[in-house]
């Protein structure tokens, strides 16, 4: 099969932790007890471990790929998923909770959540062994709230366009079915901040991520390099319900998305990408992506006159879609940015997406903790970094022993 432009690059996977929020990334499936499997994708249930896996992969054994003379071989569960667990406890006493608020009044507080990962789910017990059980209703573990509040709760996955009423809040309330498969949501509590201050509100979101992105400890001395950019990301797409179309339409040759950095923050970069029905074989067509910071009065290119370049010999079988992508700097835009996708061949943009990188005004010290197992014992090491400067910090080192098995790495914003 001929597969031109079959992938794309988009926004870097930036994680923004608000004050009172932590991110713990587990290298292996199972979370705290090693038995809680929360994932997104096909469930192969290989070797009794639910979720996606690959039996042939070099990704977690690159040292064996170097100068290899044969393929990587078949090993059940050679590569599995990791989990990224966010825990957010807003600090209502100091006002730091406002770092995560997208809207607030004397009757409600609405928090936003964005992640570069996909929100995961544990299928209901009756579908636990099904390949696509995550699509069944009754999933758990992806979004859970704790606290003594009893106010109404609503959730939106389309950036506030529509809301799903979840009922009265309660300790252990599970909202996984509403947000699973997404990378963002808004959650609204029908009470003022002063009413939530004594409720002990905590929001836990569990995502699926790649273990190759997580630092792995080595034997002996480990020197940690830490850097925080002071930047965050907001996205329109790739989920269709969060695309926020303001002109044209999805699955047409022209579509325009719109998004803005929250809290009037300054957007400094835009990234955009799209999957399009380019034809089989791909037709002669120029693809363009443009952005506007003045409501569409003027435009600047993000990607100009991109096209598929074919190479012979070619098979007679084709994949009918392709991807295009680009990025551009912005001059600190504190307002809506439009991103327009067009082409000259009448090709349909089936899944457009746009992302803004913006500057984070409030920064906090970050505590980093590594947990690992050595000789059957679980050990930890932690270090607190002051407010990020954008520069790499290599001041922290520790000895992990002879043969450490990394369990998780946690980042916690004060």
Protein backbone atom coordinates (compact mmCIF):
# COMPACT_ATOMS: atom_id res chain seq x y z
CA UNK A 1 0.00 0.00 0.00
CA UNK A 2 1.25 3.51 -0.87
CA UNK A 3 1.08 5.62 2.28
CA UNK A 4 2.14 9.21 1.62
CA UNK A 5 2.34 11.73 4.50
CA UNK A 6 1.00 9.13 6.92
CA UNK A 7 1.96 10.98 10.10
CA UNK A 8 2.35 14.46 11.46
CA UNK A 9 4.09 16.61 14.03
CA UNK A 10 2.12 18.92 16.25
CA UNK A 11 2.50 20.79 19.52
CA UNK A 12 5.21 19.53 21.95
CA UNK A 13 3.75 17.52 24.85
CA UNK A 14 3.79 20.34 27.42
CA UNK A 15 2.42 19.60 30.88
CA UNK A 16 1.09 22.54 32.92
CA UNK A 17 0.63 21.86 36.62
CA UNK A 18 -1.45 24.31 38.59
CA UNK A 19 -0.71 25.15 42.21
CA UNK A 20 -1.96 22.20 44.27
CA UNK A 21 -1.68 19.74 41.39
CA UNK A 22 0.59 16.72 41.00
CA UNK A 23 1.33 14.38 38.11
CA UNK A 24 2.51 10.86 38.87
CA UNK A 25 3.61 8.82 35.86
CA UNK A 26 3.67 5.04 36.29
CA UNK A 27 5.99 3.16 33.96
CA UNK A 28 3.86 0.00 33.97
CA UNK A 29 0.11 -0.68 33.92
CA UNK A 30 -1.59 -1.20 37.26
CA UNK A 31 -1.38 2.13 39.14
CA UNK A 32 -0.83 2.05 42.93
CA UNK A 33 -1.71 -1.56 43.64
CA UNK A 34 -0.44 -3.01 40.36
CA UNK A 35 -3.94 -4.35 39.65
CA UNK A 36 -5.93 -1.28 38.59
CA UNK A 37 -5.82 -1.18 34.80
CA UNK A 38 -6.99 2.08 33.27
CA UNK A 39 -6.29 2.49 29.55
CA UNK A 40 -7.56 3.68 26.17
CA UNK A 41 -7.45 1.50 23.09
CA UNK A 42 -7.90 -2.14 22.21
CA UNK A 43 -7.75 -4.67 25.03
CA UNK A 44 -5.54 -7.56 23.98
CA UNK A 45 -5.49 -8.94 27.54
CA UNK A 46 -2.04 -10.38 26.80
CA UNK A 47 -0.68 -12.47 29.66
CA UNK A 48 -3.70 -11.43 31.73
CA UNK A 49 -2.91 -7.70 31.63
CA UNK A 50 -5.75 -5.67 30.08
CA UNK A 51 -5.13 -2.98 27.51
CA UNK A 52 -3.04 -2.34 24.40
CA UNK A 53 0.39 -3.88 23.89
CA UNK A 54 2.90 -4.70 21.18
CA UNK A 55 4.76 -7.98 20.94
CA UNK A 56 7.27 -6.64 18.38
CA UNK A 57 8.90 -3.31 19.17
CA UNK A 58 12.30 -1.74 19.69
CA UNK A 59 10.91 1.25 21.58
CA UNK A 60 11.81 -0.04 25.05
CA UNK A 61 14.95 -1.90 24.02
CA UNK A 62 16.87 0.53 21.77
CA UNK A 63 20.19 -0.88 22.90
CA UNK A 64 19.31 -4.12 21.10
CA UNK A 65 18.26 -2.37 17.90
CA UNK A 66 21.68 -0.79 17.32
CA UNK A 67 23.37 -2.76 14.53
CA UNK A 68 20.75 -5.49 14.81
CA UNK A 69 20.89 -8.12 12.06
CA UNK A 70 17.35 -9.42 12.52
CA UNK A 71 13.96 -8.16 13.63
CA UNK A 72 13.15 -7.63 17.28
CA UNK A 73 11.44 -11.00 17.70
CA UNK A 74 8.09 -11.87 19.22
CA UNK A 75 7.59 -11.41 22.95
CA UNK A 76 4.06 -11.12 24.40
CA UNK A 77 3.74 -7.77 26.14
CA UNK A 78 7.12 -6.51 24.93
CA UNK A 79 5.78 -2.94 25.04
CA UNK A 80 2.81 -1.78 27.10
CA UNK A 81 1.26 1.53 28.07
CA UNK A 82 2.06 3.73 31.04
CA UNK A 83 -0.30 5.89 33.10
CA UNK A 84 -0.24 9.59 33.93
CA UNK A 85 -2.26 10.32 37.08
CA UNK A 86 -3.14 13.95 37.83
CA UNK A 87 -4.37 14.88 41.31
CA UNK A 88 -5.62 18.44 41.74
CA UNK A 89 -6.50 19.88 45.16
CA UNK A 90 -7.43 23.55 44.64
CA UNK A 91 -6.30 25.92 47.39
CA UNK A 92 -9.34 28.08 48.08
CA UNK A 93 -7.83 29.74 51.15
CA UNK A 94 -5.06 31.63 49.34
CA UNK A 95 -6.67 32.30 45.99
CA UNK A 96 -4.25 30.01 44.15
CA UNK A 97 -7.23 28.03 42.88
CA UNK A 98 -7.75 30.79 40.31
CA UNK A 99 -4.84 29.34 38.30
CA UNK A 100 -7.18 26.58 37.16
CA UNK A 101 -10.45 28.54 36.88
CA UNK A 102 -11.94 29.22 33.47
CA UNK A 103 -15.09 30.88 34.85
CA UNK A 104 -16.38 31.88 38.30
CA UNK A 105 -19.30 33.64 39.97
CA UNK A 106 -20.98 33.73 43.38
CA UNK A 107 -22.93 30.63 42.33
CA UNK A 108 -20.35 28.43 40.58
CA UNK A 109 -16.66 27.68 39.96
CA UNK A 110 -15.56 26.13 36.66
CA UNK A 111 -12.16 24.46 36.37
CA UNK A 112 -10.38 23.58 33.13
CA UNK A 113 -8.19 20.54 32.50
CA UNK A 114 -5.81 19.98 29.59
CA UNK A 115 -3.25 17.23 29.06
CA UNK A 116 -1.08 16.01 26.17
CA UNK A 117 -2.28 12.49 26.98
CA UNK A 118 -5.61 10.74 26.46
CA UNK A 119 -7.97 10.26 29.41
CA UNK A 120 -8.21 6.54 30.11
CA UNK A 121 -10.91 4.21 31.45
CA UNK A 122 -11.41 0.87 33.12
CA UNK A 123 -14.29 -0.95 31.39
CA UNK A 124 -17.26 -2.18 33.42
CA UNK A 125 -16.80 -5.66 34.95
CA UNK A 126 -19.10 -7.36 32.44
CA UNK A 127 -16.96 -6.01 29.57
CA UNK A 128 -13.55 -6.34 31.24
CA UNK A 129 -12.28 -8.92 28.74
CA UNK A 130 -13.87 -7.46 25.63
CA UNK A 131 -11.54 -5.89 23.09
CA UNK A 132 -13.49 -2.64 23.04
CA UNK A 133 -15.03 -2.66 26.49
CA UNK A 134 -13.87 0.90 27.09
CA UNK A 135 -16.65 2.10 24.80
CA UNK A 136 -19.33 0.58 27.04
CA UNK A 137 -21.09 2.73 29.62
CA UNK A 138 -20.14 2.18 33.23
CA UNK A 139 -16.39 2.80 32.83
CA UNK A 140 -14.48 3.98 35.88
CA UNK A 141 -11.14 5.34 37.06
CA UNK A 142 -10.58 8.07 34.46
CA UNK A 143 -12.07 11.02 36.37
CA UNK A 144 -12.96 10.81 40.06
CA UNK A 145 -13.73 13.65 42.48
CA UNK A 146 -13.34 13.50 46.25
CA UNK A 147 -14.75 15.79 48.93
CA UNK A 148 -17.74 16.50 51.11
CA UNK A 149 -19.47 18.98 48.76
CA UNK A 150 -23.03 18.19 47.63
CA UNK A 151 -23.50 20.90 45.00
CA UNK A 152 -24.53 20.17 41.39
CA UNK A 153 -21.75 19.09 39.02
CA UNK A 154 -21.61 19.59 35.25
CA UNK A 155 -18.96 18.56 32.72
CA UNK A 156 -18.20 19.87 29.22
CA UNK A 157 -15.86 18.29 26.67
CA UNK A 158 -16.45 20.92 23.97
CA UNK A 159 -15.00 23.92 25.81
CA UNK A 160 -18.29 25.03 27.31
CA UNK A 161 -20.50 24.78 24.23
CA UNK A 162 -22.62 22.05 25.79
CA UNK A 163 -22.80 20.64 29.31
CA UNK A 164 -23.70 17.26 30.76
CA UNK A 165 -25.36 17.33 34.15
CA UNK A 166 -23.80 14.75 36.46
CA UNK A 167 -26.06 15.26 39.49
CA UNK A 168 -25.12 16.19 43.04
CA UNK A 169 -21.47 15.91 44.00
CA UNK A 170 -20.40 13.18 46.40
CA UNK A 171 -17.18 11.70 47.67
CA UNK A 172 -15.88 9.23 45.09
CA UNK A 173 -18.06 10.51 42.26
CA UNK A 174 -16.87 8.88 39.02
CA UNK A 175 -17.28 10.83 35.78
CA UNK A 176 -15.13 8.67 33.50
CA UNK A 177 -17.84 7.98 30.93
CA UNK A 178 -18.20 11.71 30.23
CA UNK A 179 -14.50 12.45 29.56
CA UNK A 180 -12.88 9.17 28.42
CA UNK A 181 -11.00 9.35 25.13
CA UNK A 182 -10.53 13.12 25.43
CA UNK A 183 -7.52 15.21 26.37
CA UNK A 184 -9.44 18.02 28.05
CA UNK A 185 -12.61 18.89 29.93
CA UNK A 186 -14.24 21.65 31.95
CA UNK A 187 -15.91 20.78 35.26
CA UNK A 188 -18.38 23.13 36.95
CA UNK A 189 -19.31 23.01 40.64
CA UNK A 190 -22.55 24.77 41.50
CA UNK A 191 -21.21 26.54 44.56
CA UNK A 192 -19.08 29.60 45.30
CA UNK A 193 -15.40 29.21 46.13
CA UNK A 194 -16.01 30.10 49.78
CA UNK A 195 -18.51 27.23 50.02
CA UNK A 196 -16.00 24.78 48.54
CA UNK A 197 -13.14 25.90 50.79
CA UNK A 198 -13.91 23.41 53.58
CA UNK A 199 -15.09 20.56 51.35
CA UNK A 200 -11.68 19.00 50.72
CA UNK A 201 -12.24 19.00 46.96
CA UNK A 202 -9.79 16.84 45.03
CA UNK A 203 -9.97 15.91 41.34
CA UNK A 204 -8.11 12.87 40.00
CA UNK A 205 -7.68 12.31 36.27
CA UNK A 206 -5.93 9.19 34.96
CA UNK A 207 -4.53 9.17 31.45
CA UNK A 208 -2.66 6.75 29.23
CA UNK A 209 0.83 7.75 28.12
CA UNK A 210 3.96 6.22 26.62
CA UNK A 211 6.52 4.74 29.04
CA UNK A 212 9.37 5.76 26.72
CA UNK A 213 8.68 9.41 27.67
CA UNK A 214 9.24 8.77 31.38
CA UNK A 215 12.72 9.02 32.98
CA UNK A 216 14.16 5.61 33.88
CA UNK A 217 16.70 5.29 36.68
CA UNK A 218 20.02 3.58 36.03
CA UNK A 219 22.27 1.75 38.43
CA UNK A 220 24.46 3.90 40.65
CA UNK A 221 24.49 7.69 40.63
CA UNK A 222 21.66 9.44 38.80
CA UNK A 223 21.90 13.14 37.94
CA UNK A 224 18.52 14.70 37.22
CA UNK A 225 18.14 17.50 34.68
CA UNK A 226 15.05 19.59 35.36
CA UNK A 227 13.72 22.45 33.27
CA UNK A 228 10.35 24.20 33.29
CA UNK A 229 9.39 26.46 30.41
CA UNK A 230 6.66 28.53 32.07
CA UNK A 231 4.38 27.66 29.17
CA UNK A 232 1.11 25.80 28.72
CA UNK A 233 -1.09 24.59 25.85
CA UNK A 234 -4.75 24.90 24.93
CA UNK A 235 -6.22 22.89 22.05
CA UNK A 236 -9.06 22.87 19.57
CA UNK A 237 -9.29 19.24 18.46
CA UNK A 238 -8.31 16.58 17.63
CA UNK A 239 -11.57 15.38 19.23
CA UNK A 240 -14.27 16.70 16.93
CA UNK A 241 -16.47 17.96 19.76
CA UNK A 242 -13.72 20.34 20.94
CA UNK A 243 -12.73 21.65 17.50
CA UNK A 244 -14.78 24.89 17.92
CA UNK A 245 -15.55 25.56 14.26
CA UNK A 246 -16.37 29.21 13.46
CA UNK A 247 -16.42 29.05 9.64
CA UNK A 248 -16.81 26.31 7.07
CA UNK A 249 -17.28 22.81 8.38
CA UNK A 250 -15.41 19.62 9.14
CA UNK A 251 -15.28 17.11 6.27
CA UNK A 252 -15.22 19.95 3.75
CA UNK A 253 -12.43 21.68 1.74
CA UNK A 254 -12.47 24.71 4.08
CA UNK A 255 -12.79 24.90 7.85
CA UNK A 256 -11.76 27.50 10.43
CA UNK A 257 -11.20 26.80 14.12
CA UNK A 258 -10.94 29.34 16.91
CA UNK A 259 -9.36 29.22 20.35
CA UNK A 260 -7.90 31.61 22.92
CA UNK A 261 -5.50 31.26 25.80
CA UNK A 262 -7.36 31.26 29.15
CA UNK A 263 -7.30 34.14 31.63
CA UNK A 264 -6.13 36.61 28.96
CA UNK A 265 -2.71 34.95 28.85
CA UNK A 266 -0.36 35.74 25.98
CA UNK A 267 -0.35 33.14 23.18
CA UNK A 268 3.13 33.01 21.67
CA UNK A 269 2.94 30.12 19.19
CA UNK A 270 0.33 28.29 17.13
CA UNK A 271 0.53 24.69 15.92
CA UNK A 272 -1.94 23.16 13.46
CA UNK A 273 -2.44 19.84 11.71
CA UNK A 274 -5.09 18.00 9.77
CA UNK A 275 -5.98 14.66 8.34
CA UNK A 276 -7.56 15.02 4.92
CA UNK A 277 -9.11 12.80 2.25
CA UNK A 278 -6.34 13.31 -0.31
CA UNK A 279 -7.48 10.65 -2.79
CA UNK A 280 -6.39 7.20 -3.93
CA UNK A 281 -4.07 7.91 -5.62
CA UNK A 282 -3.58 11.41 -4.14
CA UNK A 283 -4.78 14.15 -6.44
CA UNK A 284 -2.89 17.24 -7.51
CA UNK A 285 -3.63 19.66 -4.70
CA UNK A 286 -2.04 22.44 -2.62
CA UNK A 287 -2.84 22.59 1.10
CA UNK A 288 -2.68 25.75 3.17
CA UNK A 289 -3.06 26.58 6.86
CA UNK A 290 -3.32 30.22 7.94
CA UNK A 291 -3.92 31.99 11.24
CA UNK A 292 -5.50 35.28 12.21
CA UNK A 293 -5.39 37.25 15.47
CA UNK A 294 -7.88 39.94 14.41
CA UNK A 295 -11.05 37.98 13.81
CA UNK A 296 -10.19 37.04 10.23
CA UNK A 297 -9.38 40.51 8.90
CA UNK A 298 -5.78 39.58 8.14
CA UNK A 299 -4.05 36.22 7.86
CA UNK A 300 -0.49 34.87 8.07
CA UNK A 301 0.67 31.48 6.80
CA UNK A 302 1.24 28.52 9.11
CA UNK A 303 1.74 26.16 6.15
CA UNK A 304 1.88 27.38 2.54
CA UNK A 305 1.30 25.39 -0.65
CA UNK A 306 2.06 21.99 0.80
CA UNK A 307 1.54 19.04 -1.53
CA UNK A 308 2.12 15.31 -1.72
CA UNK A 309 5.20 14.38 -3.74
CA UNK A 310 4.83 10.93 -5.25
CA UNK A 311 7.69 8.52 -5.84
CA UNK A 312 7.84 5.61 -8.23
CA UNK A 313 7.56 2.66 -8.27
CA UNK A 314 4.11 2.70 -6.67
CA UNK A 315 1.71 -0.16 -5.85
CA UNK A 316 -1.87 -0.23 -7.03
CA UNK A 317 -3.20 -0.03 -3.48
CA UNK A 318 -3.46 3.33 -1.71
CA UNK A 319 -4.31 4.83 1.62
CA UNK A 320 -6.79 7.56 0.73
CA UNK A 321 -5.84 10.01 3.49
CA UNK A 322 -2.78 12.07 4.39
CA UNK A 323 -1.68 14.60 7.00
CA UNK A 324 -0.36 18.14 6.78
CA UNK A 325 0.97 20.31 9.59
CA UNK A 326 2.80 23.50 10.45
CA UNK A 327 3.49 26.06 13.16
CA UNK A 328 4.11 29.80 13.48
CA UNK A 329 5.15 32.31 16.13
CA UNK A 330 2.58 34.72 17.56
CA UNK A 331 3.28 38.17 19.03
CA UNK A 332 1.75 37.50 22.45
CA UNK A 333 -1.94 37.40 21.51
CA UNK A 334 -4.30 37.91 24.46
CA UNK A 335 -7.48 37.01 22.63
CA UNK A 336 -9.00 34.62 20.07
CA UNK A 337 -6.83 33.12 17.35
CA UNK A 338 -8.41 31.65 14.22
CA UNK A 339 -6.79 28.83 12.25
CA UNK A 340 -8.05 28.26 8.71
CA UNK A 341 -7.53 25.11 6.62
CA UNK A 342 -8.01 25.34 2.83
CA UNK A 343 -6.86 23.51 -0.30
CA UNK A 344 -7.03 23.91 -4.06
CA UNK A 345 -8.31 20.42 -4.89
CA UNK A 346 -11.64 20.27 -3.10
CA UNK A 347 -10.30 17.76 -0.57
CA UNK A 348 -12.15 17.28 2.71
CA UNK A 349 -10.41 18.06 6.00
CA UNK A 350 -11.70 15.22 8.16
CA UNK A 351 -9.92 15.95 11.44
CA UNK A 352 -8.36 19.41 11.85
CA UNK A 353 -6.72 20.53 15.07
CA UNK A 354 -5.06 23.68 16.39
CA UNK A 355 -3.03 24.36 19.53
CA UNK A 356 -1.88 27.56 21.22
CA UNK A 357 1.21 27.71 23.42
CA UNK A 358 0.84 30.49 25.96
CA UNK A 359 2.83 31.93 28.84
CA UNK A 360 1.89 30.95 32.38
CA UNK A 361 1.83 33.95 34.67
CA UNK A 362 1.78 32.14 38.00
CA UNK A 363 4.57 29.69 38.71
CA UNK A 364 5.20 27.55 41.79
CA UNK A 365 8.03 25.47 43.23
CA UNK A 366 7.90 21.87 42.00
CA UNK A 367 8.74 18.81 44.09
CA UNK A 368 10.05 15.88 42.03
CA UNK A 369 9.96 12.37 43.50
CA UNK A 370 11.34 9.12 42.07
CA UNK A 371 10.16 5.76 43.37
CA UNK A 372 11.96 2.54 42.55
CA UNK A 373 12.36 -1.03 43.75
CA UNK A 374 15.69 -2.56 44.69
CA UNK A 375 16.16 -5.99 46.24
CA UNK A 376 12.41 -6.17 46.86
CA UNK A 377 12.28 -2.89 48.80
CA UNK A 378 10.56 0.29 47.56
CA UNK A 379 12.72 3.40 47.85
CA UNK A 380 12.14 7.07 47.07
CA UNK A 381 14.18 10.22 46.54
CA UNK A 382 12.78 13.74 46.31
CA UNK A 383 13.95 17.26 45.57
CA UNK A 384 12.15 20.62 45.37
CA UNK A 385 12.93 23.07 42.59
CA UNK A 386 12.13 26.74 42.98
CA UNK A 387 9.94 28.64 40.53
CA UNK A 388 11.04 27.77 36.99
CA UNK A 389 13.56 30.01 35.26
CA UNK A 390 13.52 28.29 31.88
CA UNK A 391 17.07 27.07 32.41
CA UNK A 392 18.19 23.49 32.95
CA UNK A 393 18.99 22.61 36.58
CA UNK A 394 21.40 19.69 37.15
CA UNK A 395 22.03 20.26 40.85
CA UNK A 396 20.25 17.11 42.14
CA UNK A 397 21.88 13.67 42.17
CA UNK A 398 21.20 10.48 44.13
CA UNK A 399 22.30 6.86 44.22
CA UNK A 400 19.60 4.40 43.11
CA UNK A 401 21.58 1.26 43.95
CA UNK A 402 22.90 -1.47 41.72
CA UNK A 403 19.79 -2.61 39.82
CA UNK A 404 16.89 -0.19 40.31
CA UNK A 405 13.45 -0.88 38.83
CA UNK A 406 11.76 2.49 38.31
CA UNK A 407 8.14 2.46 39.51
CA UNK A 408 6.96 6.05 39.08
CA UNK A 409 8.02 9.67 38.83
CA UNK A 410 5.92 12.45 40.39
CA UNK A 411 5.90 16.20 39.88
CA UNK A 412 3.97 18.27 42.42
CA UNK A 413 3.38 22.04 42.17
CA UNK A 414 3.18 23.81 45.51
